[in-house]
Amino acid sequence: MDGWRVLAHKYAAGVRLVSRNGRDLTRRFPELTAAVAELEPPTLILDGEIAVFNRQLISRFEWLRGRPKDDTATPPLLMAFDCLYAHGKDLRERALRVRRNVLEEVVDGQQLVLPARRLADDGLEAWPQVLERGYEGLVGKNEASPYREGRTLSWLKVKQPRYREGERGCEPSRKS
């Protein structure tokens, strides 16, 4: 997925969407702000990415700034990877599998806040799905691991070799 990384904070005073570098995106995405506000827990922190998808459900980074009027696309969606805090409890030390279960319960039935797509648990089974669907790559995570900021040995990001390094958007390179 290629989008803007964000932490969605819900608390008594309202909702804030904050980028990885601390930029407040709340006003830029009012529909997502309202969708997070509608989630049941009174306090919540979700880690995810804001993305827009084309007809083939491939994320298009450039469409976050404005999508073309002649192409069908989703509205901006918050694709949540993780739930760090919910129902008054800090979940960061809990195993990823536990946090993922809480995440799926919290966003169940929501249209604009969705859990990030899961592929097969076995990376050798998941990789052909990445290639077939045209995804940028995959992230493999240890389901027993606690949440840690930044890169850790608990997860591994693998990109498709067909993608050009540094290119924005998730379209395969035309070069072989």
N, C-alpha and C. Protein backbone atom coordinates (compact mmCIF):
# COMPACT_ATOMS: atom_id res chain seq x y z
N MET A 1 0.85 -1.16 0.00
CA MET A 1 0.00 0.00 0.00
C MET A 1 0.90 1.22 0.00
N ASP A 2 0.49 2.21 -0.73
CA ASP A 2 1.27 3.43 -0.82
C ASP A 2 0.38 4.60 -0.45
N GLY A 3 0.61 5.15 0.72
CA GLY A 3 -0.20 6.27 1.20
C GLY A 3 0.56 7.06 2.23
N TRP A 4 -0.19 7.79 3.06
CA TRP A 4 0.41 8.60 4.11
C TRP A 4 0.25 7.86 5.43
N ARG A 5 1.36 7.57 6.08
CA ARG A 5 1.36 6.91 7.38
C ARG A 5 0.75 7.86 8.39
N VAL A 6 -0.10 7.33 9.29
CA VAL A 6 -0.83 8.18 10.22
C VAL A 6 -1.13 7.44 11.51
N LEU A 7 -1.16 8.18 12.60
CA LEU A 7 -1.71 7.69 13.86
C LEU A 7 -3.03 8.41 14.05
N ALA A 8 -4.11 7.65 14.27
CA ALA A 8 -5.43 8.22 14.52
C ALA A 8 -5.68 8.16 16.02
N HIS A 9 -5.81 9.33 16.64
CA HIS A 9 -6.03 9.44 18.09
C HIS A 9 -7.48 9.85 18.33
N LYS A 10 -8.19 9.06 19.11
CA LYS A 10 -9.53 9.44 19.55
C LYS A 10 -9.49 9.57 21.07
N TYR A 11 -9.98 10.70 21.58
CA TYR A 11 -9.98 10.95 23.00
C TYR A 11 -11.15 11.89 23.30
N ALA A 12 -11.36 12.21 24.55
CA ALA A 12 -12.52 12.99 24.96
C ALA A 12 -12.67 14.29 24.18
N ALA A 13 -11.57 14.96 23.88
CA ALA A 13 -11.62 16.25 23.19
C ALA A 13 -11.86 16.12 21.69
N GLY A 14 -11.80 14.92 21.14
CA GLY A 14 -12.03 14.76 19.71
C GLY A 14 -11.09 13.76 19.08
N VAL A 15 -10.85 13.96 17.79
CA VAL A 15 -10.01 13.07 16.99
C VAL A 15 -8.91 13.88 16.33
N ARG A 16 -7.72 13.30 16.28
CA ARG A 16 -6.60 13.90 15.53
C ARG A 16 -5.98 12.83 14.67
N LEU A 17 -5.67 13.20 13.44
CA LEU A 17 -4.92 12.35 12.53
C LEU A 17 -3.55 13.00 12.39
N VAL A 18 -2.50 12.27 12.79
CA VAL A 18 -1.16 12.85 12.83
C VAL A 18 -0.23 11.99 11.98
N SER A 19 0.51 12.65 11.07
CA SER A 19 1.45 11.94 10.19
C SER A 19 2.67 11.50 10.98
N ARG A 20 3.49 10.67 10.36
CA ARG A 20 4.71 10.17 10.98
C ARG A 20 5.64 11.30 11.40
N ASN A 21 5.66 12.40 10.63
CA ASN A 21 6.53 13.52 10.98
C ASN A 21 5.83 14.57 11.84
N GLY A 22 4.68 14.23 12.40
CA GLY A 22 3.99 15.11 13.34
C GLY A 22 3.03 16.11 12.72
N ARG A 23 2.80 16.03 11.42
CA ARG A 23 1.89 16.96 10.74
C ARG A 23 0.44 16.57 11.03
N ASP A 24 -0.37 17.55 11.39
CA ASP A 24 -1.79 17.31 11.68
C ASP A 24 -2.57 17.23 10.37
N LEU A 25 -3.17 16.08 10.10
CA LEU A 25 -3.94 15.85 8.87
C LEU A 25 -5.44 15.84 9.12
N THR A 26 -5.85 16.21 10.32
CA THR A 26 -7.26 16.12 10.72
C THR A 26 -8.17 16.89 9.78
N ARG A 27 -7.86 18.14 9.50
CA ARG A 27 -8.73 18.97 8.65
C ARG A 27 -8.66 18.57 7.18
N ARG A 28 -7.55 17.99 6.78
CA ARG A 28 -7.40 17.56 5.39
C ARG A 28 -8.31 16.38 5.05
N PHE A 29 -8.63 15.56 6.07
CA PHE A 29 -9.45 14.37 5.85
C PHE A 29 -10.64 14.35 6.82
N PRO A 30 -11.60 15.27 6.63
CA PRO A 30 -12.72 15.35 7.58
C PRO A 30 -13.59 14.10 7.61
N GLU A 31 -13.73 13.39 6.48
CA GLU A 31 -14.54 12.17 6.47
C GLU A 31 -13.90 11.09 7.34
N LEU A 32 -12.57 10.99 7.26
CA LEU A 32 -11.88 9.99 8.08
C LEU A 32 -11.92 10.38 9.55
N THR A 33 -11.78 11.66 9.83
CA THR A 33 -11.87 12.15 11.20
C THR A 33 -13.23 11.78 11.79
N ALA A 34 -14.29 12.00 11.03
CA ALA A 34 -15.65 11.66 11.48
C ALA A 34 -15.81 10.15 11.65
N ALA A 35 -15.22 9.38 10.75
CA ALA A 35 -15.32 7.92 10.83
C ALA A 35 -14.63 7.40 12.09
N VAL A 36 -13.48 7.93 12.42
CA VAL A 36 -12.78 7.51 13.65
C VAL A 36 -13.61 7.92 14.87
N ALA A 37 -14.21 9.11 14.82
CA ALA A 37 -15.05 9.57 15.94
C ALA A 37 -16.22 8.63 16.19
N GLU A 38 -16.72 7.99 15.13
CA GLU A 38 -17.86 7.08 15.25
C GLU A 38 -17.49 5.71 15.85
N LEU A 39 -16.22 5.38 15.87
CA LEU A 39 -15.82 4.08 16.42
C LEU A 39 -16.17 4.01 17.90
N GLU A 40 -16.55 2.84 18.37
CA GLU A 40 -17.11 2.67 19.70
C GLU A 40 -16.21 3.04 20.87
N PRO A 41 -14.95 2.65 20.91
CA PRO A 41 -14.16 2.99 22.10
C PRO A 41 -14.05 4.51 22.29
N PRO A 42 -14.23 4.99 23.53
CA PRO A 42 -14.11 6.43 23.77
C PRO A 42 -12.67 6.94 23.65
N THR A 43 -11.69 6.04 23.84
CA THR A 43 -10.29 6.38 23.65
C THR A 43 -9.68 5.30 22.76
N LEU A 44 -8.84 5.77 21.82
CA LEU A 44 -8.36 4.84 20.80
C LEU A 44 -7.13 5.43 20.11
N ILE A 45 -6.16 4.58 19.79
CA ILE A 45 -5.07 4.99 18.91
C ILE A 45 -4.88 3.87 17.88
N LEU A 46 -5.02 4.24 16.61
CA LEU A 46 -4.81 3.30 15.51
C LEU A 46 -3.57 3.73 14.72
N ASP A 47 -2.77 2.76 14.32
CA ASP A 47 -1.62 2.99 13.46
C ASP A 47 -2.01 2.49 12.08
N GLY A 48 -1.86 3.34 11.08
CA GLY A 48 -2.26 2.91 9.74
C GLY A 48 -1.75 3.83 8.66
N GLU A 49 -2.42 3.76 7.53
CA GLU A 49 -2.03 4.55 6.37
C GLU A 49 -3.29 5.03 5.67
N ILE A 50 -3.29 6.30 5.28
CA ILE A 50 -4.38 6.84 4.49
C ILE A 50 -4.04 6.59 3.03
N ALA A 51 -4.97 5.98 2.31
CA ALA A 51 -4.71 5.62 0.92
C ALA A 51 -5.97 5.78 0.08
N VAL A 52 -5.77 5.96 -1.23
CA VAL A 52 -6.84 5.98 -2.22
C VAL A 52 -6.52 4.88 -3.21
N PHE A 53 -7.56 4.12 -3.62
CA PHE A 53 -7.36 2.96 -4.48
C PHE A 53 -8.09 3.13 -5.81
N ASN A 54 -7.49 2.57 -6.87
CA ASN A 54 -8.12 2.60 -8.19
C ASN A 54 -9.10 1.43 -8.34
N ARG A 55 -9.63 1.23 -9.53
CA ARG A 55 -10.61 0.15 -9.78
C ARG A 55 -10.08 -1.23 -9.45
N GLN A 56 -8.77 -1.42 -9.64
CA GLN A 56 -8.15 -2.73 -9.37
C GLN A 56 -7.72 -2.86 -7.91
N LEU A 57 -8.10 -1.87 -7.09
CA LEU A 57 -7.76 -1.83 -5.66
C LEU A 57 -6.25 -1.76 -5.43
N ILE A 58 -5.58 -1.02 -6.32
CA ILE A 58 -4.17 -0.70 -6.16
C ILE A 58 -4.10 0.73 -5.64
N SER A 59 -3.35 0.96 -4.57
CA SER A 59 -3.29 2.31 -4.01
C SER A 59 -2.51 3.23 -4.93
N ARG A 60 -2.96 4.48 -4.99
CA ARG A 60 -2.35 5.48 -5.87
C ARG A 60 -1.97 6.69 -5.01
N PHE A 61 -0.69 6.80 -4.69
CA PHE A 61 -0.19 7.85 -3.81
C PHE A 61 -0.57 9.24 -4.30
N GLU A 62 -0.40 9.49 -5.58
CA GLU A 62 -0.64 10.82 -6.13
C GLU A 62 -2.10 11.25 -5.99
N TRP A 63 -3.02 10.31 -5.84
CA TRP A 63 -4.44 10.64 -5.71
C TRP A 63 -4.78 11.19 -4.33
N LEU A 64 -3.86 11.10 -3.37
CA LEU A 64 -4.11 11.72 -2.07
C LEU A 64 -4.16 13.24 -2.19
N ARG A 65 -3.52 13.77 -3.20
CA ARG A 65 -3.53 15.23 -3.43
C ARG A 65 -4.68 15.65 -4.33
N GLY A 66 -5.37 14.70 -4.93
CA GLY A 66 -6.50 14.97 -5.80
C GLY A 66 -6.55 13.93 -6.90
N ARG A 67 -7.63 13.19 -6.96
CA ARG A 67 -7.72 12.14 -7.97
C ARG A 67 -8.37 12.67 -9.24
N PRO A 68 -8.03 12.05 -10.37
CA PRO A 68 -8.61 12.49 -11.64
C PRO A 68 -10.13 12.26 -11.65
N LYS A 69 -10.83 13.16 -12.27
CA LYS A 69 -12.29 13.07 -12.31
C LYS A 69 -12.78 11.97 -13.24
N ASP A 70 -11.94 11.54 -14.18
CA ASP A 70 -12.37 10.56 -15.17
C ASP A 70 -12.05 9.12 -14.78
N ASP A 71 -11.59 8.88 -13.57
CA ASP A 71 -11.23 7.54 -13.15
C ASP A 71 -11.94 7.21 -11.85
N THR A 72 -12.50 6.03 -11.78
CA THR A 72 -13.17 5.59 -10.57
C THR A 72 -12.13 5.27 -9.51
N ALA A 73 -12.37 5.73 -8.30
CA ALA A 73 -11.46 5.47 -7.19
C ALA A 73 -12.24 5.50 -5.89
N THR A 74 -11.63 4.96 -4.87
CA THR A 74 -12.24 5.02 -3.55
C THR A 74 -12.05 6.42 -2.98
N PRO A 75 -12.84 6.76 -1.98
CA PRO A 75 -12.49 7.97 -1.22
C PRO A 75 -11.24 7.65 -0.40
N PRO A 76 -10.63 8.63 0.24
CA PRO A 76 -9.52 8.30 1.13
C PRO A 76 -10.00 7.32 2.22
N LEU A 77 -9.22 6.29 2.43
CA LEU A 77 -9.52 5.28 3.44
C LEU A 77 -8.39 5.22 4.45
N LEU A 78 -8.72 4.94 5.70
CA LEU A 78 -7.71 4.68 6.70
C LEU A 78 -7.56 3.17 6.80
N MET A 79 -6.44 2.67 6.30
CA MET A 79 -6.14 1.24 6.36
C MET A 79 -5.32 1.02 7.63
N ALA A 80 -5.96 0.48 8.65
CA ALA A 80 -5.32 0.34 9.96
C ALA A 80 -4.50 -0.94 10.03
N PHE A 81 -3.24 -0.79 10.47
CA PHE A 81 -2.34 -1.92 10.65
C PHE A 81 -2.41 -2.46 12.07
N ASP A 82 -2.65 -1.57 13.01
CA ASP A 82 -2.46 -1.93 14.41
C ASP A 82 -3.34 -1.06 15.30
N CYS A 83 -3.69 -1.60 16.46
CA CYS A 83 -4.43 -0.87 17.48
C CYS A 83 -3.53 -0.78 18.71
N LEU A 84 -3.12 0.43 19.05
CA LEU A 84 -2.17 0.64 20.14
C LEU A 84 -2.83 0.92 21.48
N TYR A 85 -4.07 1.40 21.43
CA TYR A 85 -4.76 1.79 22.65
C TYR A 85 -6.25 1.70 22.39
N ALA A 86 -7.00 1.08 23.30
CA ALA A 86 -8.46 0.99 23.14
C ALA A 86 -9.10 0.72 24.49
N HIS A 87 -10.28 1.28 24.67
CA HIS A 87 -11.06 1.03 25.89
C HIS A 87 -10.25 1.32 27.16
N GLY A 88 -9.43 2.38 27.13
CA GLY A 88 -8.66 2.75 28.31
C GLY A 88 -7.44 1.88 28.58
N LYS A 89 -7.06 1.03 27.63
CA LYS A 89 -5.92 0.13 27.84
C LYS A 89 -4.84 0.34 26.80
N ASP A 90 -3.61 0.44 27.28
CA ASP A 90 -2.43 0.51 26.41
C ASP A 90 -2.14 -0.92 25.94
N LEU A 91 -2.18 -1.13 24.63
CA LEU A 91 -2.01 -2.48 24.07
C LEU A 91 -0.62 -2.72 23.48
N ARG A 92 0.26 -1.73 23.56
CA ARG A 92 1.55 -1.84 22.87
C ARG A 92 2.40 -3.02 23.32
N GLU A 93 2.30 -3.46 24.55
CA GLU A 93 3.10 -4.60 25.02
C GLU A 93 2.42 -5.94 24.75
N ARG A 94 1.20 -5.91 24.29
CA ARG A 94 0.48 -7.14 23.97
C ARG A 94 0.96 -7.67 22.62
N ALA A 95 0.78 -8.94 22.38
CA ALA A 95 1.19 -9.57 21.11
C ALA A 95 0.39 -8.99 19.95
N LEU A 96 1.02 -8.94 18.78
CA LEU A 96 0.35 -8.44 17.58
C LEU A 96 -0.97 -9.17 17.34
N ARG A 97 -1.03 -10.47 17.53
CA ARG A 97 -2.28 -11.20 17.28
C ARG A 97 -3.41 -10.68 18.15
N VAL A 98 -3.10 -10.30 19.40
CA VAL A 98 -4.10 -9.74 20.31
C VAL A 98 -4.53 -8.36 19.82
N ARG A 99 -3.56 -7.52 19.47
CA ARG A 99 -3.86 -6.18 18.97
C ARG A 99 -4.67 -6.24 17.68
N ARG A 100 -4.35 -7.20 16.81
CA ARG A 100 -5.08 -7.35 15.54
C ARG A 100 -6.53 -7.73 15.80
N ASN A 101 -6.78 -8.61 16.78
CA ASN A 101 -8.15 -8.97 17.13
C ASN A 101 -8.94 -7.77 17.64
N VAL A 102 -8.30 -6.96 18.49
CA VAL A 102 -8.96 -5.74 18.98
C VAL A 102 -9.24 -4.80 17.80
N LEU A 103 -8.26 -4.62 16.93
CA LEU A 103 -8.43 -3.76 15.75
C LEU A 103 -9.63 -4.20 14.93
N GLU A 104 -9.73 -5.48 14.63
CA GLU A 104 -10.82 -5.97 13.80
C GLU A 104 -12.17 -5.78 14.47
N GLU A 105 -12.24 -5.93 15.79
CA GLU A 105 -13.48 -5.68 16.52
C GLU A 105 -13.85 -4.19 16.48
N VAL A 106 -12.86 -3.33 16.67
CA VAL A 106 -13.08 -1.89 16.74
C VAL A 106 -13.59 -1.33 15.42
N VAL A 107 -13.06 -1.78 14.29
CA VAL A 107 -13.43 -1.21 12.99
C VAL A 107 -14.51 -2.00 12.27
N ASP A 108 -15.01 -3.07 12.87
CA ASP A 108 -16.03 -3.91 12.24
C ASP A 108 -17.23 -3.08 11.81
N GLY A 109 -17.60 -3.19 10.54
CA GLY A 109 -18.75 -2.49 10.01
C GLY A 109 -18.47 -1.08 9.52
N GLN A 110 -17.29 -0.57 9.75
CA GLN A 110 -16.94 0.79 9.32
C GLN A 110 -16.61 0.77 7.82
N GLN A 111 -16.97 1.82 7.11
CA GLN A 111 -16.75 1.89 5.66
C GLN A 111 -15.45 2.59 5.27
N LEU A 112 -14.98 3.53 6.10
CA LEU A 112 -13.79 4.30 5.74
C LEU A 112 -12.55 3.95 6.56
N VAL A 113 -12.73 3.21 7.64
CA VAL A 113 -11.62 2.74 8.46
C VAL A 113 -11.65 1.22 8.40
N LEU A 114 -10.62 0.65 7.78
CA LEU A 114 -10.61 -0.79 7.52
C LEU A 114 -9.32 -1.41 8.03
N PRO A 115 -9.37 -2.68 8.42
CA PRO A 115 -8.09 -3.33 8.76
C PRO A 115 -7.30 -3.59 7.48
N ALA A 116 -5.99 -3.41 7.55
CA ALA A 116 -5.14 -3.69 6.39
C ALA A 116 -5.32 -5.14 5.99
N ARG A 117 -5.26 -5.38 4.71
CA ARG A 117 -5.46 -6.71 4.15
C ARG A 117 -4.41 -7.69 4.66
N ARG A 118 -4.86 -8.89 4.97
CA ARG A 118 -3.94 -9.95 5.41
C ARG A 118 -3.82 -10.98 4.29
N LEU A 119 -2.62 -11.44 4.09
CA LEU A 119 -2.36 -12.50 3.12
C LEU A 119 -2.07 -13.78 3.90
N ALA A 120 -1.69 -14.82 3.21
CA ALA A 120 -1.36 -16.09 3.86
C ALA A 120 -0.28 -15.86 4.93
N ASP A 121 -0.36 -16.61 6.03
CA ASP A 121 0.63 -16.49 7.11
C ASP A 121 2.03 -16.87 6.64
N ASP A 122 2.11 -17.84 5.76
CA ASP A 122 3.39 -18.30 5.23
C ASP A 122 3.81 -17.37 4.09
N GLY A 123 4.96 -16.71 4.24
CA GLY A 123 5.43 -15.76 3.24
C GLY A 123 5.58 -16.37 1.86
N LEU A 124 5.96 -17.67 1.79
CA LEU A 124 6.10 -18.32 0.48
C LEU A 124 4.76 -18.51 -0.20
N GLU A 125 3.69 -18.59 0.59
CA GLU A 125 2.33 -18.65 0.02
C GLU A 125 1.82 -17.25 -0.32
N ALA A 126 2.21 -16.27 0.48
CA ALA A 126 1.72 -14.91 0.30
C ALA A 126 2.35 -14.23 -0.91
N TRP A 127 3.62 -14.52 -1.19
CA TRP A 127 4.33 -13.81 -2.27
C TRP A 127 3.65 -13.94 -3.63
N PRO A 128 3.19 -15.14 -4.05
CA PRO A 128 2.48 -15.21 -5.34
C PRO A 128 1.22 -14.34 -5.37
N GLN A 129 0.56 -14.15 -4.22
CA GLN A 129 -0.60 -13.25 -4.16
C GLN A 129 -0.18 -11.81 -4.40
N VAL A 130 0.96 -11.42 -3.87
CA VAL A 130 1.50 -10.07 -4.09
C VAL A 130 1.73 -9.85 -5.57
N LEU A 131 2.39 -10.80 -6.23
CA LEU A 131 2.68 -10.68 -7.66
C LEU A 131 1.41 -10.68 -8.50
N GLU A 132 0.50 -11.57 -8.20
CA GLU A 132 -0.74 -11.70 -8.97
C GLU A 132 -1.61 -10.45 -8.86
N ARG A 133 -1.69 -9.88 -7.70
CA ARG A 133 -2.56 -8.72 -7.47
C ARG A 133 -1.88 -7.39 -7.78
N GLY A 134 -0.59 -7.41 -8.06
CA GLY A 134 0.11 -6.18 -8.41
C GLY A 134 0.44 -5.29 -7.23
N TYR A 135 0.54 -5.87 -6.03
CA TYR A 135 0.89 -5.08 -4.85
C TYR A 135 2.34 -4.63 -4.91
N GLU A 136 2.64 -3.58 -4.17
CA GLU A 136 3.99 -3.05 -4.08
C GLU A 136 4.92 -4.05 -3.41
N GLY A 137 4.41 -4.79 -2.47
CA GLY A 137 5.21 -5.76 -1.72
C GLY A 137 4.41 -6.26 -0.55
N LEU A 138 5.10 -6.73 0.48
CA LEU A 138 4.41 -7.19 1.67
C LEU A 138 5.26 -6.91 2.90
N VAL A 139 4.60 -6.91 4.05
CA VAL A 139 5.28 -6.78 5.33
C VAL A 139 4.93 -8.02 6.13
N GLY A 140 5.96 -8.75 6.53
CA GLY A 140 5.79 -9.92 7.37
C GLY A 140 6.08 -9.53 8.81
N LYS A 141 5.17 -9.91 9.72
CA LYS A 141 5.32 -9.53 11.12
C LYS A 141 5.23 -10.76 12.01
N ASN A 142 5.98 -10.74 13.09
CA ASN A 142 5.91 -11.79 14.10
C ASN A 142 4.65 -11.54 14.94
N GLU A 143 3.70 -12.47 14.91
CA GLU A 143 2.42 -12.28 15.59
C GLU A 143 2.54 -12.26 17.11
N ALA A 144 3.67 -12.69 17.65
CA ALA A 144 3.87 -12.68 19.09
C ALA A 144 4.53 -11.39 19.57
N SER A 145 4.92 -10.52 18.65
CA SER A 145 5.72 -9.34 19.02
C SER A 145 4.88 -8.20 19.58
N PRO A 146 5.46 -7.45 20.54
CA PRO A 146 4.82 -6.23 21.01
C PRO A 146 5.03 -5.13 19.97
N TYR A 147 4.33 -4.01 20.15
CA TYR A 147 4.47 -2.89 19.23
C TYR A 147 5.75 -2.13 19.55
N ARG A 148 6.53 -1.84 18.53
CA ARG A 148 7.73 -1.02 18.65
C ARG A 148 7.74 -0.01 17.51
N GLU A 149 8.07 1.23 17.82
CA GLU A 149 8.18 2.25 16.77
C GLU A 149 9.42 1.99 15.94
N GLY A 150 9.36 2.35 14.67
CA GLY A 150 10.52 2.20 13.78
C GLY A 150 10.73 0.77 13.35
N ARG A 151 11.81 0.56 12.64
CA ARG A 151 12.13 -0.78 12.13
C ARG A 151 12.69 -1.64 13.26
N THR A 152 12.24 -2.88 13.28
CA THR A 152 12.71 -3.84 14.28
C THR A 152 12.94 -5.18 13.60
N LEU A 153 13.47 -6.13 14.33
CA LEU A 153 13.65 -7.48 13.80
C LEU A 153 12.34 -8.28 13.84
N SER A 154 11.27 -7.70 14.38
CA SER A 154 9.98 -8.37 14.47
C SER A 154 9.18 -8.29 13.19
N TRP A 155 9.64 -7.47 12.24
CA TRP A 155 8.93 -7.40 10.97
C TRP A 155 9.90 -7.14 9.83
N LEU A 156 9.47 -7.53 8.65
CA LEU A 156 10.30 -7.44 7.46
C LEU A 156 9.46 -6.94 6.30
N LYS A 157 9.95 -5.91 5.61
CA LYS A 157 9.26 -5.36 4.44
C LYS A 157 9.99 -5.86 3.19
N VAL A 158 9.24 -6.44 2.26
CA VAL A 158 9.80 -6.96 1.02
C VAL A 158 9.04 -6.33 -0.14
N LYS A 159 9.78 -5.62 -1.02
CA LYS A 159 9.16 -4.97 -2.18
C LYS A 159 9.35 -5.83 -3.41
N GLN A 160 8.40 -5.69 -4.33
CA GLN A 160 8.52 -6.35 -5.62
C GLN A 160 9.72 -5.78 -6.37
N PRO A 161 10.53 -6.61 -6.99
CA PRO A 161 11.66 -6.08 -7.76
C PRO A 161 11.23 -5.29 -8.98
N ARG A 162 10.01 -5.49 -9.46
CA ARG A 162 9.52 -4.77 -10.64
C ARG A 162 9.26 -3.30 -10.35
N TYR A 163 9.19 -2.92 -9.08
CA TYR A 163 8.91 -1.53 -8.72
C TYR A 163 10.18 -0.73 -8.75
N ARG A 164 10.08 0.46 -9.31
CA ARG A 164 11.24 1.35 -9.35
C ARG A 164 11.42 2.00 -7.99
N GLU A 165 12.64 1.96 -7.49
CA GLU A 165 12.95 2.53 -6.18
C GLU A 165 12.68 4.03 -6.18
N GLY A 166 12.00 4.51 -5.14
CA GLY A 166 11.74 5.93 -4.99
C GLY A 166 10.54 6.44 -5.78
N GLU A 167 9.90 5.59 -6.57
CA GLU A 167 8.75 6.04 -7.35
C GLU A 167 7.54 6.10 -6.45
N ARG A 168 6.75 7.15 -6.59
CA ARG A 168 5.54 7.30 -5.79
C ARG A 168 4.39 6.66 -6.53
N GLY A 169 3.63 5.85 -5.86
CA GLY A 169 2.52 5.14 -6.48
C GLY A 169 2.87 3.67 -6.54
N CYS A 170 1.87 2.86 -6.68
CA CYS A 170 2.08 1.42 -6.63
C CYS A 170 1.80 0.78 -7.97
N GLU A 171 2.36 1.29 -9.00
CA GLU A 171 2.21 0.67 -10.30
C GLU A 171 3.52 -0.01 -10.67
N PRO A 172 3.43 -1.22 -11.19
CA PRO A 172 4.68 -1.91 -11.59
C PRO A 172 5.41 -1.11 -12.64
N SER A 173 6.71 -1.18 -12.59
CA SER A 173 7.56 -0.52 -13.57
C SER A 173 7.33 -1.16 -14.93
N ARG A 174 7.41 -0.38 -15.98
CA ARG A 174 7.28 -0.90 -17.34
C ARG A 174 8.59 -1.53 -17.79
N LYS A 175 9.68 -1.25 -17.07
CA LYS A 175 10.98 -1.84 -17.42
C LYS A 175 11.02 -3.28 -16.93
N SER A 176 11.70 -4.12 -17.67
CA SER A 176 11.83 -5.53 -17.26
C SER A 176 13.11 -5.76 -16.52
